[in-house]
Amino acid sequence: QVRVVESGGGLVQPGGSLRLSCAASGSIFSLNVMGWYRQAPGKQRELVAIIARDGSTIYTDSLKGRFTISRDNAKNTVYLQMNTLKPEDTAVYYCKAHSPPNDYWGRGTQVTVSS
């Protein structure tokens, strides 16, 4: 059993910053890629960023420069630093952990950007 838990969401004003955390625990043999996805109301879930165990990253182009993904392998934790937030960043942010051959999802954390 693998548990993935996100934290750090909340309400922030436009232009503000938030840092999300995601911790994976349980029967993890080898945690490979971890990543963040988001789903806005009425829209499909989309990729935000992913990071491999060696630190290599992939970002959705539109978020490069504002969002930064990082991880602590010793803690099986991935972070998402979000800067210069915009109202259109409002969404539920989900973490996914890939421990071959399975993917494990968290329940999500709400991020609301509003004045």
N, C-alpha and C. Protein backbone atom coordinates (compact mmCIF):
# COMPACT_ATOMS: atom_id res chain seq x y z
N GLN A 1 0.84 -1.18 0.00
CA GLN A 1 0.00 0.00 0.00
C GLN A 1 0.89 1.25 0.00
N VAL A 2 0.61 2.14 -0.94
CA VAL A 2 1.36 3.39 -1.04
C VAL A 2 0.40 4.54 -0.80
N ARG A 3 0.82 5.48 0.02
CA ARG A 3 0.00 6.65 0.33
C ARG A 3 0.71 7.90 -0.19
N VAL A 4 -0.06 8.74 -0.87
CA VAL A 4 0.47 9.99 -1.41
C VAL A 4 -0.38 11.13 -0.85
N VAL A 5 0.26 12.06 -0.19
CA VAL A 5 -0.48 13.13 0.48
C VAL A 5 0.09 14.49 0.11
N GLU A 6 -0.78 15.34 -0.43
CA GLU A 6 -0.39 16.70 -0.78
C GLU A 6 -0.73 17.66 0.36
N SER A 7 0.01 18.76 0.41
CA SER A 7 -0.28 19.82 1.37
C SER A 7 0.24 21.14 0.83
N GLY A 8 -0.22 22.23 1.44
CA GLY A 8 0.30 23.54 1.09
C GLY A 8 -0.62 24.41 0.26
N GLY A 9 -1.77 23.88 -0.14
CA GLY A 9 -2.69 24.70 -0.91
C GLY A 9 -3.36 25.75 -0.06
N GLY A 10 -4.12 26.62 -0.72
CA GLY A 10 -4.83 27.66 0.01
C GLY A 10 -5.25 28.78 -0.89
N LEU A 11 -5.65 29.87 -0.26
CA LEU A 11 -6.08 31.07 -0.97
C LEU A 11 -4.93 32.07 -1.01
N VAL A 12 -4.65 32.59 -2.18
CA VAL A 12 -3.56 33.55 -2.35
C VAL A 12 -3.99 34.62 -3.33
N GLN A 13 -3.49 35.83 -3.12
CA GLN A 13 -3.82 36.92 -4.03
C GLN A 13 -3.01 36.82 -5.32
N PRO A 14 -3.53 37.36 -6.40
CA PRO A 14 -2.75 37.39 -7.65
C PRO A 14 -1.38 38.02 -7.42
N GLY A 15 -0.36 37.37 -8.02
CA GLY A 15 1.01 37.82 -7.82
C GLY A 15 1.71 37.18 -6.65
N GLY A 16 0.96 36.46 -5.84
CA GLY A 16 1.53 35.81 -4.67
C GLY A 16 2.20 34.49 -4.99
N SER A 17 2.67 33.83 -3.94
CA SER A 17 3.39 32.55 -4.09
C SER A 17 2.83 31.51 -3.13
N LEU A 18 2.98 30.27 -3.53
CA LEU A 18 2.65 29.13 -2.67
C LEU A 18 3.66 28.03 -2.93
N ARG A 19 3.88 27.22 -1.91
CA ARG A 19 4.74 26.05 -2.07
C ARG A 19 3.94 24.81 -1.67
N LEU A 20 3.77 23.93 -2.62
CA LEU A 20 3.07 22.66 -2.37
C LEU A 20 4.07 21.57 -2.04
N SER A 21 3.65 20.66 -1.19
CA SER A 21 4.47 19.51 -0.85
C SER A 21 3.67 18.23 -1.09
N CYS A 22 4.38 17.18 -1.41
CA CYS A 22 3.74 15.88 -1.61
C CYS A 22 4.67 14.81 -1.06
N ALA A 23 4.16 14.04 -0.12
CA ALA A 23 4.95 12.98 0.48
C ALA A 23 4.35 11.62 0.15
N ALA A 24 5.21 10.72 -0.28
CA ALA A 24 4.79 9.34 -0.56
C ALA A 24 5.33 8.44 0.53
N SER A 25 4.49 7.51 0.98
CA SER A 25 4.92 6.61 2.04
C SER A 25 4.28 5.25 1.83
N GLY A 26 4.81 4.25 2.54
CA GLY A 26 4.25 2.92 2.42
C GLY A 26 5.21 1.96 1.76
N SER A 27 4.65 1.01 1.05
CA SER A 27 5.44 -0.07 0.45
C SER A 27 6.04 0.39 -0.88
N ILE A 28 7.00 1.27 -0.77
CA ILE A 28 7.64 1.80 -1.96
C ILE A 28 8.97 1.10 -2.15
N PHE A 29 9.09 0.39 -3.25
CA PHE A 29 10.35 -0.27 -3.55
C PHE A 29 11.31 0.68 -4.22
N SER A 30 10.80 1.37 -5.24
CA SER A 30 11.65 2.30 -5.97
C SER A 30 10.78 3.41 -6.52
N LEU A 31 10.92 4.60 -5.98
CA LEU A 31 10.10 5.72 -6.41
C LEU A 31 10.81 6.41 -7.57
N ASN A 32 10.20 6.35 -8.72
CA ASN A 32 10.84 6.87 -9.92
C ASN A 32 10.37 8.30 -10.16
N VAL A 33 9.55 8.51 -11.15
CA VAL A 33 9.08 9.85 -11.47
C VAL A 33 7.99 10.29 -10.49
N MET A 34 8.08 11.53 -10.05
CA MET A 34 7.01 12.15 -9.27
C MET A 34 6.59 13.42 -10.00
N GLY A 35 5.35 13.79 -9.83
CA GLY A 35 4.91 14.95 -10.58
C GLY A 35 3.67 15.61 -10.03
N TRP A 36 3.41 16.77 -10.59
CA TRP A 36 2.23 17.56 -10.24
C TRP A 36 1.34 17.73 -11.46
N TYR A 37 0.07 17.61 -11.23
CA TYR A 37 -0.95 17.84 -12.23
C TYR A 37 -2.00 18.75 -11.60
N ARG A 38 -2.81 19.35 -12.44
CA ARG A 38 -3.87 20.19 -11.88
C ARG A 38 -5.14 20.06 -12.71
N GLN A 39 -6.25 20.33 -12.06
CA GLN A 39 -7.54 20.27 -12.74
C GLN A 39 -8.38 21.45 -12.29
N ALA A 40 -8.66 22.33 -13.23
CA ALA A 40 -9.51 23.48 -12.98
C ALA A 40 -10.97 23.08 -13.19
N PRO A 41 -11.90 23.83 -12.60
CA PRO A 41 -13.32 23.50 -12.76
C PRO A 41 -13.72 23.43 -14.22
N GLY A 42 -14.36 22.35 -14.60
CA GLY A 42 -14.84 22.20 -15.97
C GLY A 42 -13.78 21.84 -16.98
N LYS A 43 -12.56 21.60 -16.53
CA LYS A 43 -11.47 21.28 -17.46
C LYS A 43 -10.87 19.92 -17.14
N GLN A 44 -10.11 19.41 -18.09
CA GLN A 44 -9.43 18.13 -17.88
C GLN A 44 -8.18 18.33 -17.02
N ARG A 45 -7.78 17.26 -16.37
CA ARG A 45 -6.55 17.30 -15.61
C ARG A 45 -5.38 17.46 -16.58
N GLU A 46 -4.43 18.34 -16.21
CA GLU A 46 -3.30 18.61 -17.07
C GLU A 46 -1.99 18.51 -16.31
N LEU A 47 -0.94 18.23 -17.05
CA LEU A 47 0.39 18.16 -16.47
C LEU A 47 0.87 19.55 -16.07
N VAL A 48 1.48 19.63 -14.89
CA VAL A 48 2.17 20.85 -14.48
C VAL A 48 3.67 20.64 -14.66
N ALA A 49 4.21 19.65 -13.97
CA ALA A 49 5.64 19.34 -14.05
C ALA A 49 5.90 17.96 -13.48
N ILE A 50 6.95 17.32 -13.98
CA ILE A 50 7.38 16.05 -13.42
C ILE A 50 8.88 16.10 -13.21
N ILE A 51 9.34 15.27 -12.27
CA ILE A 51 10.76 15.22 -11.96
C ILE A 51 11.17 13.77 -11.73
N ALA A 52 12.26 13.39 -12.37
CA ALA A 52 12.78 12.04 -12.21
C ALA A 52 13.67 11.96 -10.97
N ARG A 53 14.05 10.74 -10.65
CA ARG A 53 14.87 10.54 -9.47
C ARG A 53 16.22 11.24 -9.58
N ASP A 54 16.71 11.36 -10.83
CA ASP A 54 18.01 12.02 -11.02
C ASP A 54 17.89 13.54 -11.09
N GLY A 55 16.69 14.07 -10.93
CA GLY A 55 16.49 15.51 -10.90
C GLY A 55 16.11 16.13 -12.23
N SER A 56 16.08 15.35 -13.28
CA SER A 56 15.68 15.89 -14.57
C SER A 56 14.18 16.22 -14.54
N THR A 57 13.81 17.28 -15.23
CA THR A 57 12.45 17.80 -15.13
C THR A 57 11.81 18.03 -16.49
N ILE A 58 10.50 18.02 -16.49
CA ILE A 58 9.71 18.42 -17.64
C ILE A 58 8.61 19.32 -17.13
N TYR A 59 8.41 20.44 -17.80
CA TYR A 59 7.37 21.39 -17.44
C TYR A 59 6.42 21.61 -18.61
N THR A 60 5.19 21.92 -18.28
CA THR A 60 4.30 22.46 -19.29
C THR A 60 4.87 23.83 -19.69
N ASP A 61 4.99 24.06 -20.97
CA ASP A 61 5.67 25.27 -21.46
C ASP A 61 5.12 26.56 -20.86
N SER A 62 3.83 26.64 -20.74
CA SER A 62 3.21 27.89 -20.28
C SER A 62 3.52 28.21 -18.82
N LEU A 63 4.04 27.24 -18.07
CA LEU A 63 4.31 27.45 -16.65
C LEU A 63 5.80 27.62 -16.35
N LYS A 64 6.62 27.40 -17.36
CA LYS A 64 8.07 27.57 -17.15
C LYS A 64 8.37 28.98 -16.71
N GLY A 65 9.27 29.09 -15.74
CA GLY A 65 9.66 30.40 -15.26
C GLY A 65 8.88 30.86 -14.05
N ARG A 66 7.67 30.34 -13.88
CA ARG A 66 6.88 30.71 -12.70
C ARG A 66 6.82 29.57 -11.68
N PHE A 67 6.81 28.34 -12.18
CA PHE A 67 6.70 27.17 -11.30
C PHE A 67 8.03 26.42 -11.30
N THR A 68 8.41 25.89 -10.14
CA THR A 68 9.64 25.10 -10.03
C THR A 68 9.35 23.84 -9.23
N ILE A 69 9.70 22.70 -9.83
CA ILE A 69 9.52 21.43 -9.15
C ILE A 69 10.87 20.97 -8.60
N SER A 70 10.83 20.34 -7.42
CA SER A 70 12.04 19.79 -6.82
C SER A 70 11.66 18.58 -5.99
N ARG A 71 12.65 17.81 -5.56
CA ARG A 71 12.33 16.63 -4.77
C ARG A 71 13.44 16.33 -3.78
N ASP A 72 13.06 15.63 -2.74
CA ASP A 72 13.99 15.12 -1.73
C ASP A 72 13.83 13.61 -1.74
N ASN A 73 14.78 12.91 -2.35
CA ASN A 73 14.66 11.46 -2.50
C ASN A 73 14.67 10.75 -1.15
N ALA A 74 15.43 11.28 -0.22
CA ALA A 74 15.52 10.64 1.09
C ALA A 74 14.17 10.66 1.82
N LYS A 75 13.36 11.66 1.51
CA LYS A 75 12.06 11.80 2.16
C LYS A 75 10.90 11.38 1.26
N ASN A 76 11.21 10.91 0.05
CA ASN A 76 10.16 10.56 -0.92
C ASN A 76 9.15 11.71 -1.05
N THR A 77 9.68 12.89 -1.17
CA THR A 77 8.84 14.09 -1.19
C THR A 77 9.17 14.93 -2.42
N VAL A 78 8.13 15.49 -3.01
CA VAL A 78 8.28 16.39 -4.13
C VAL A 78 7.61 17.72 -3.79
N TYR A 79 8.19 18.80 -4.28
CA TYR A 79 7.69 20.14 -3.99
C TYR A 79 7.34 20.87 -5.28
N LEU A 80 6.45 21.83 -5.16
CA LEU A 80 6.14 22.70 -6.29
C LEU A 80 6.10 24.13 -5.77
N GLN A 81 7.09 24.91 -6.16
CA GLN A 81 7.13 26.33 -5.82
C GLN A 81 6.41 27.09 -6.93
N MET A 82 5.38 27.82 -6.56
CA MET A 82 4.58 28.55 -7.53
C MET A 82 4.67 30.04 -7.24
N ASN A 83 5.17 30.79 -8.19
CA ASN A 83 5.35 32.23 -8.02
C ASN A 83 4.50 32.99 -9.02
N THR A 84 4.29 34.26 -8.74
CA THR A 84 3.53 35.15 -9.61
C THR A 84 2.22 34.48 -10.03
N LEU A 85 1.49 34.01 -9.04
CA LEU A 85 0.27 33.26 -9.34
C LEU A 85 -0.79 34.14 -9.98
N LYS A 86 -1.57 33.51 -10.85
CA LYS A 86 -2.62 34.19 -11.60
C LYS A 86 -3.96 33.53 -11.29
N PRO A 87 -5.06 34.23 -11.47
CA PRO A 87 -6.37 33.60 -11.25
C PRO A 87 -6.56 32.31 -12.04
N GLU A 88 -5.99 32.24 -13.23
CA GLU A 88 -6.13 31.03 -14.04
C GLU A 88 -5.33 29.84 -13.50
N ASP A 89 -4.52 30.06 -12.48
CA ASP A 89 -3.84 28.94 -11.83
C ASP A 89 -4.73 28.25 -10.80
N THR A 90 -5.91 28.81 -10.57
CA THR A 90 -6.85 28.21 -9.64
C THR A 90 -7.24 26.81 -10.10
N ALA A 91 -7.04 25.84 -9.23
CA ALA A 91 -7.30 24.44 -9.58
C ALA A 91 -7.05 23.57 -8.36
N VAL A 92 -7.44 22.32 -8.50
CA VAL A 92 -6.99 21.31 -7.54
C VAL A 92 -5.68 20.74 -8.08
N TYR A 93 -4.67 20.74 -7.25
CA TYR A 93 -3.35 20.25 -7.65
C TYR A 93 -3.15 18.85 -7.08
N TYR A 94 -2.83 17.93 -7.98
CA TYR A 94 -2.66 16.53 -7.62
C TYR A 94 -1.20 16.11 -7.78
N CYS A 95 -0.78 15.24 -6.89
CA CYS A 95 0.56 14.67 -6.97
C CYS A 95 0.44 13.23 -7.44
N LYS A 96 1.37 12.83 -8.29
CA LYS A 96 1.43 11.44 -8.73
C LYS A 96 2.83 10.91 -8.49
N ALA A 97 2.89 9.72 -7.94
CA ALA A 97 4.16 9.04 -7.71
C ALA A 97 4.19 7.75 -8.51
N HIS A 98 5.27 7.56 -9.24
CA HIS A 98 5.41 6.35 -10.06
C HIS A 98 6.41 5.43 -9.39
N SER A 99 5.89 4.30 -8.91
CA SER A 99 6.73 3.26 -8.35
C SER A 99 6.46 2.03 -9.21
N PRO A 100 7.36 1.76 -10.16
CA PRO A 100 7.08 0.74 -11.18
C PRO A 100 6.55 -0.57 -10.60
N PRO A 101 5.49 -1.11 -11.19
CA PRO A 101 4.85 -0.64 -12.42
C PRO A 101 3.61 0.23 -12.19
N ASN A 102 3.46 0.77 -10.99
CA ASN A 102 2.20 1.44 -10.64
C ASN A 102 2.35 2.96 -10.49
N ASP A 103 1.22 3.64 -10.71
CA ASP A 103 1.09 5.06 -10.41
C ASP A 103 0.19 5.22 -9.20
N TYR A 104 0.56 6.16 -8.34
CA TYR A 104 -0.22 6.41 -7.13
C TYR A 104 -0.54 7.91 -7.09
N TRP A 105 -1.81 8.21 -6.88
CA TRP A 105 -2.28 9.60 -6.86
C TRP A 105 -2.68 10.01 -5.45
N GLY A 106 -2.45 11.28 -5.16
CA GLY A 106 -2.99 11.86 -3.95
C GLY A 106 -4.40 12.35 -4.20
N ARG A 107 -5.02 12.86 -3.13
CA ARG A 107 -6.40 13.34 -3.24
C ARG A 107 -6.48 14.79 -3.71
N GLY A 108 -5.35 15.46 -3.75
CA GLY A 108 -5.33 16.82 -4.26
C GLY A 108 -5.38 17.87 -3.17
N THR A 109 -4.89 19.05 -3.54
CA THR A 109 -4.95 20.20 -2.64
C THR A 109 -5.44 21.40 -3.45
N GLN A 110 -6.38 22.14 -2.89
CA GLN A 110 -6.99 23.25 -3.62
C GLN A 110 -6.10 24.48 -3.56
N VAL A 111 -5.88 25.06 -4.73
CA VAL A 111 -5.20 26.36 -4.83
C VAL A 111 -6.18 27.34 -5.46
N THR A 112 -6.43 28.42 -4.75
CA THR A 112 -7.34 29.46 -5.25
C THR A 112 -6.59 30.78 -5.29
N VAL A 113 -6.56 31.38 -6.47
CA VAL A 113 -5.88 32.67 -6.66
C VAL A 113 -6.96 33.71 -6.92
N SER A 114 -7.13 34.57 -5.94
CA SER A 114 -8.22 35.55 -6.03
C SER A 114 -7.94 36.73 -5.11
N SER A 115 -8.41 37.89 -5.53
CA SER A 115 -8.28 39.08 -4.69
C SER A 115 -9.53 39.27 -3.84
